[in-house]
Amino acid sequence: MLMNKMREAAAKEGYECMIHAYSVSQAKTAAADADCILIGPQVRYEKENVEKQCPQVPVAVIDMVSYGRLDGAKVLAAAKKLMGD
C-alpha cells in the first residue's frame, strides 16, 4: 500500500520515477536498476547487510511514523533526499 501511495505522490508532483517493492532477500538483484533502497522499519536490522550487498546504492530505513501512516509523500521526499534530488 505504501508503494502505491508513493506512486500517487510522485504523480501528483510530476516526479518521474519507478517505485517497486521487493523482499530483503531480493535486494542485491533489485539493486541492479535501483537509485536507492528503502527498508521497512520492521526489518531495520537488515540495513547493514543490504548495504554490504549493494554498495553502489544508497540505503535508508523508512521512518516508522511515515511508514505507519502510509505517508507516501513523506517517504518519497526521503527517497529523493537520499538520492540527492
Protein backbone atom coordinates (compact mmCIF):
# COMPACT_ATOMS: atom_id res chain seq x y z
CA MET A 1 0.00 0.00 0.00
CA LEU A 2 2.83 2.41 0.81
CA MET A 3 4.32 1.82 -2.62
CA ASN A 4 1.03 2.89 -4.22
CA LYS A 5 0.87 5.98 -2.01
CA MET A 6 4.41 6.87 -3.08
CA ARG A 7 3.45 6.45 -6.73
CA GLU A 8 0.42 8.72 -6.21
CA ALA A 9 2.60 11.35 -4.53
CA ALA A 10 5.13 11.20 -7.38
CA ALA A 11 2.39 11.59 -10.00
CA LYS A 12 0.84 14.49 -8.08
CA GLU A 13 4.13 16.41 -8.09
CA GLY A 14 5.05 15.38 -11.63
CA TYR A 15 8.12 13.47 -10.48
CA GLU A 16 9.01 10.74 -12.94
CA CYS A 17 10.22 7.61 -11.20
CA MET A 18 9.69 3.90 -10.86
CA ILE A 19 8.86 2.53 -7.43
CA HIS A 20 8.95 -1.20 -6.69
CA ALA A 21 8.74 -3.36 -3.58
CA TYR A 22 10.93 -6.39 -3.01
CA SER A 23 11.83 -8.62 -0.11
CA VAL A 24 15.16 -8.01 1.62
CA SER A 25 16.43 -11.27 0.16
CA GLN A 26 15.93 -9.80 -3.34
CA ALA A 27 17.85 -6.57 -2.59
CA LYS A 28 21.02 -7.49 -4.44
CA THR A 29 19.16 -8.46 -7.62
CA ALA A 30 16.79 -5.48 -7.47
CA ALA A 31 19.64 -3.04 -6.81
CA ALA A 32 20.98 -3.53 -10.33
CA ASP A 33 18.44 -0.97 -11.56
CA ALA A 34 17.86 0.98 -8.34
CA ASP A 35 18.84 4.55 -7.50
CA CYS A 36 18.12 3.96 -3.80
CA ILE A 37 16.81 1.29 -1.47
CA LEU A 38 14.35 1.98 1.34
CA ILE A 39 13.88 -0.65 4.01
CA GLY A 40 10.78 -1.01 6.14
CA PRO A 41 11.26 -0.25 9.84
CA GLN A 42 10.31 -3.81 10.79
CA VAL A 43 13.50 -5.09 9.09
CA ARG A 44 15.81 -2.20 10.02
CA TYR A 45 18.26 -4.78 11.42
CA GLU A 46 18.94 -5.82 7.77
CA LYS A 47 20.23 -2.36 6.74
CA GLU A 48 23.92 -3.16 7.20
CA ASN A 49 23.51 -6.45 5.33
CA VAL A 50 21.79 -4.72 2.39
CA GLU A 51 24.46 -2.00 2.32
CA LYS A 52 27.15 -4.69 2.06
CA GLN A 53 25.28 -6.49 -0.73
CA CYS A 54 24.54 -3.25 -2.63
CA PRO A 55 27.48 -0.89 -2.02
CA GLN A 56 26.72 1.17 -5.13
CA VAL A 57 23.19 2.12 -3.96
CA PRO A 58 22.29 4.39 -1.02
CA VAL A 59 20.20 2.58 1.61
CA ALA A 60 17.94 4.03 4.33
CA VAL A 61 15.29 2.81 6.75
CA ILE A 62 11.83 4.31 6.29
CA ASP A 63 10.74 6.47 9.21
CA MET A 64 8.39 4.43 11.42
CA VAL A 65 5.74 7.16 11.69
CA SER A 66 5.66 7.77 7.92
CA TYR A 67 5.51 4.02 7.34
CA GLY A 68 2.69 3.54 9.84
CA ARG A 69 0.68 6.43 8.41
CA LEU A 70 1.28 5.26 4.83
CA ASP A 71 2.56 8.76 4.11
CA GLY A 72 3.72 8.25 0.54
CA ALA A 73 4.65 11.90 0.07
CA LYS A 74 6.95 11.90 3.08
CA VAL A 75 8.62 8.63 2.16
CA LEU A 76 9.06 9.83 -1.43
CA ALA A 77 10.66 13.03 -0.11
CA ALA A 78 13.06 10.91 1.97
CA ALA A 79 13.97 8.84 -1.09
CA LYS A 80 14.59 11.99 -3.14
CA LYS A 81 16.81 13.38 -0.41
CA LEU A 82 18.73 10.08 -0.21
CA MET A 83 19.35 10.29 -3.96
CA GLY A 84 20.30 13.95 -3.82
CA ASP A 85 17.24 15.12 -5.78
